Amino acid sequence: MRTFALYLLAAFFIGAGAMHFVSPEIYVPMIPPYLPWPLTLVYLSGVAEIAGGAGVLIPRLRRAAGWGLVALLIAIFPANIHIAMNDIPVAGHDVPWWGHAVRLPFQLVFIAWVVWATELRTSRDKQEQVAE
């Protein structure tokens, strides 16, 4: 199950990252106005998603890629708030108010998915598991 979740995670992030290059114009409005260079940020986040998605497939890079994806999901959370507060279309699609309400906490589900699929645990967690 974890292997399937890992491959699905990789496909999701690689696909989402690629869309930042295929249709960047649908992502630019999602960038909060207080951030400079919105198109550049769209491309950078696309690179980060592709790199993270590919990285989780490489065993020696999996932890670093997992932590990178967690950091990315946390970093883009203010943009998700901006999208919800200003009723901005998501990937070019209008979203009802309840869709925004569900989408915000769903970021925690994404983070949990990354942590579980990439087996991000502290060394202390691993030591406790071995001791059991």
Protein backbone atom coordinates (compact mmCIF):
# COMPACT_ATOMS: atom_id res chain seq x y z
CA MET A 1 0.00 0.00 0.00
CA ARG A 2 2.78 2.43 0.89
CA THR A 3 4.55 1.75 -2.42
CA PHE A 4 1.36 2.53 -4.35
CA ALA A 5 0.89 5.72 -2.30
CA LEU A 6 4.48 6.72 -3.04
CA TYR A 7 4.08 6.28 -6.80
CA LEU A 8 0.74 8.09 -6.73
CA LEU A 9 2.36 10.92 -4.76
CA ALA A 10 5.18 11.16 -7.29
CA ALA A 11 2.74 11.19 -10.22
CA PHE A 12 0.61 13.85 -8.55
CA PHE A 13 3.49 16.23 -7.87
CA ILE A 14 5.23 15.66 -11.21
CA GLY A 15 1.94 16.20 -13.04
CA ALA A 16 1.02 19.26 -11.02
CA GLY A 17 4.50 20.69 -11.47
CA ALA A 18 4.40 20.12 -15.22
CA MET A 19 1.11 22.02 -15.43
CA HIS A 20 2.94 25.09 -14.08
CA PHE A 21 4.84 25.12 -17.38
CA VAL A 22 2.03 23.99 -19.68
CA SER A 23 -0.49 26.59 -18.44
CA PRO A 24 1.30 29.08 -16.18
CA GLU A 25 -1.42 31.68 -16.77
CA ILE A 26 -3.88 29.74 -14.61
CA TYR A 27 -1.47 29.80 -11.65
CA VAL A 28 -0.36 33.45 -11.77
CA PRO A 29 -3.63 34.77 -10.23
CA MET A 30 -3.09 32.42 -7.29
CA ILE A 31 0.08 34.25 -6.25
CA PRO A 32 -0.70 36.79 -3.51
CA PRO A 33 -0.17 40.38 -4.72
CA TYR A 34 2.37 41.10 -1.98
CA LEU A 35 4.82 38.64 -3.57
CA PRO A 36 6.99 39.89 -6.45
CA TRP A 37 7.48 38.16 -9.82
CA PRO A 38 4.38 35.94 -9.87
CA LEU A 39 5.28 34.16 -13.12
CA THR A 40 8.76 33.36 -11.81
CA LEU A 41 7.22 31.99 -8.60
CA VAL A 42 4.86 29.81 -10.64
CA TYR A 43 7.83 28.36 -12.53
CA LEU A 44 9.89 27.90 -9.35
CA SER A 45 7.05 26.11 -7.58
CA GLY A 46 6.62 23.93 -10.66
CA VAL A 47 10.30 23.00 -10.55
CA ALA A 48 10.01 22.24 -6.83
CA GLU A 49 6.99 20.00 -7.38
CA ILE A 50 8.65 18.10 -10.22
CA ALA A 51 11.92 17.73 -8.28
CA GLY A 52 10.10 16.58 -5.15
CA GLY A 53 7.91 14.16 -7.08
CA ALA A 54 10.90 12.66 -8.86
CA GLY A 55 13.03 12.70 -5.72
CA VAL A 56 10.63 10.55 -3.71
CA LEU A 57 11.17 7.77 -6.27
CA ILE A 58 14.92 7.67 -5.62
CA PRO A 59 15.53 5.83 -2.33
CA ARG A 60 18.61 7.82 -1.29
CA LEU A 61 16.80 11.12 -2.00
CA ARG A 62 13.40 10.11 -0.62
CA ARG A 63 13.73 11.70 2.83
CA ALA A 64 15.14 14.96 1.50
CA ALA A 65 12.48 15.09 -1.22
CA GLY A 66 9.79 14.31 1.35
CA TRP A 67 10.94 17.11 3.63
CA GLY A 68 11.15 19.41 0.61
CA LEU A 69 7.55 18.64 -0.35
CA VAL A 70 6.39 19.21 3.23
CA ALA A 71 8.19 22.57 3.22
CA LEU A 72 6.65 23.44 -0.15
CA LEU A 73 3.14 22.59 1.06
CA ILE A 74 3.66 24.80 4.10
CA ALA A 75 5.15 27.60 1.98
CA ILE A 76 2.22 27.68 -0.43
CA PHE A 77 -0.41 27.69 2.32
CA PRO A 78 -0.60 31.53 2.39
CA ALA A 79 -1.39 31.41 -1.34
CA ASN A 80 -4.20 28.96 -0.59
CA ILE A 81 -5.59 31.39 1.98
CA HIS A 82 -5.31 34.21 -0.60
CA ILE A 83 -7.20 32.05 -3.12
CA ALA A 84 -9.99 31.28 -0.63
CA MET A 85 -10.34 34.83 0.70
CA ASN A 86 -10.50 36.33 -2.79
CA ASP A 87 -12.51 33.56 -4.50
CA ILE A 88 -9.81 33.00 -7.11
CA PRO A 89 -10.29 30.14 -9.59
CA VAL A 90 -8.12 27.10 -8.85
CA ALA A 91 -6.22 25.88 -11.91
CA GLY A 92 -8.63 27.85 -14.07
CA HIS A 93 -11.80 26.46 -12.45
CA ASP A 94 -14.26 28.38 -10.31
CA VAL A 95 -14.57 26.90 -6.84
CA PRO A 96 -17.64 27.33 -4.60
CA TRP A 97 -17.12 28.71 -1.10
CA TRP A 98 -17.38 25.24 0.42
CA GLY A 99 -14.70 24.00 -1.98
CA HIS A 100 -12.29 26.57 -0.59
CA ALA A 101 -13.34 25.59 2.94
CA VAL A 102 -12.47 21.95 2.22
CA ARG A 103 -9.31 22.75 0.25
CA LEU A 104 -7.56 24.61 3.08
CA PRO A 105 -7.53 21.80 5.68
CA PHE A 106 -6.89 19.29 2.90
CA GLN A 107 -3.33 20.65 2.82
CA LEU A 108 -2.84 18.78 6.10
CA VAL A 109 -3.94 15.58 4.35
CA PHE A 110 -1.34 16.23 1.64
CA ILE A 111 1.34 16.76 4.28
CA ALA A 112 0.32 13.57 6.10
CA TRP A 113 0.41 11.69 2.77
CA VAL A 114 3.95 12.89 2.09
CA VAL A 115 5.11 12.04 5.62
CA TRP A 116 3.56 8.56 5.50
CA ALA A 117 4.51 7.64 1.92
CA THR A 118 8.12 8.78 2.28
CA GLU A 119 8.42 7.37 5.81
CA LEU A 120 9.55 10.65 7.32
CA ARG A 121 10.27 9.86 10.91
CA THR A 122 12.82 11.17 13.30
CA SER A 123 15.68 8.93 14.34
CA ARG A 124 14.08 8.81 17.81
CA ASP A 125 10.87 7.40 16.30
CA LYS A 126 12.88 4.72 14.52
CA GLN A 127 14.78 3.83 17.71
CA GLU A 128 11.50 3.48 19.62
CA GLN A 129 10.10 1.25 16.88
CA VAL A 130 13.19 -1.00 16.98
CA ALA A 131 12.97 -1.19 20.80
CA GLU A 132 9.39 -2.47 20.59
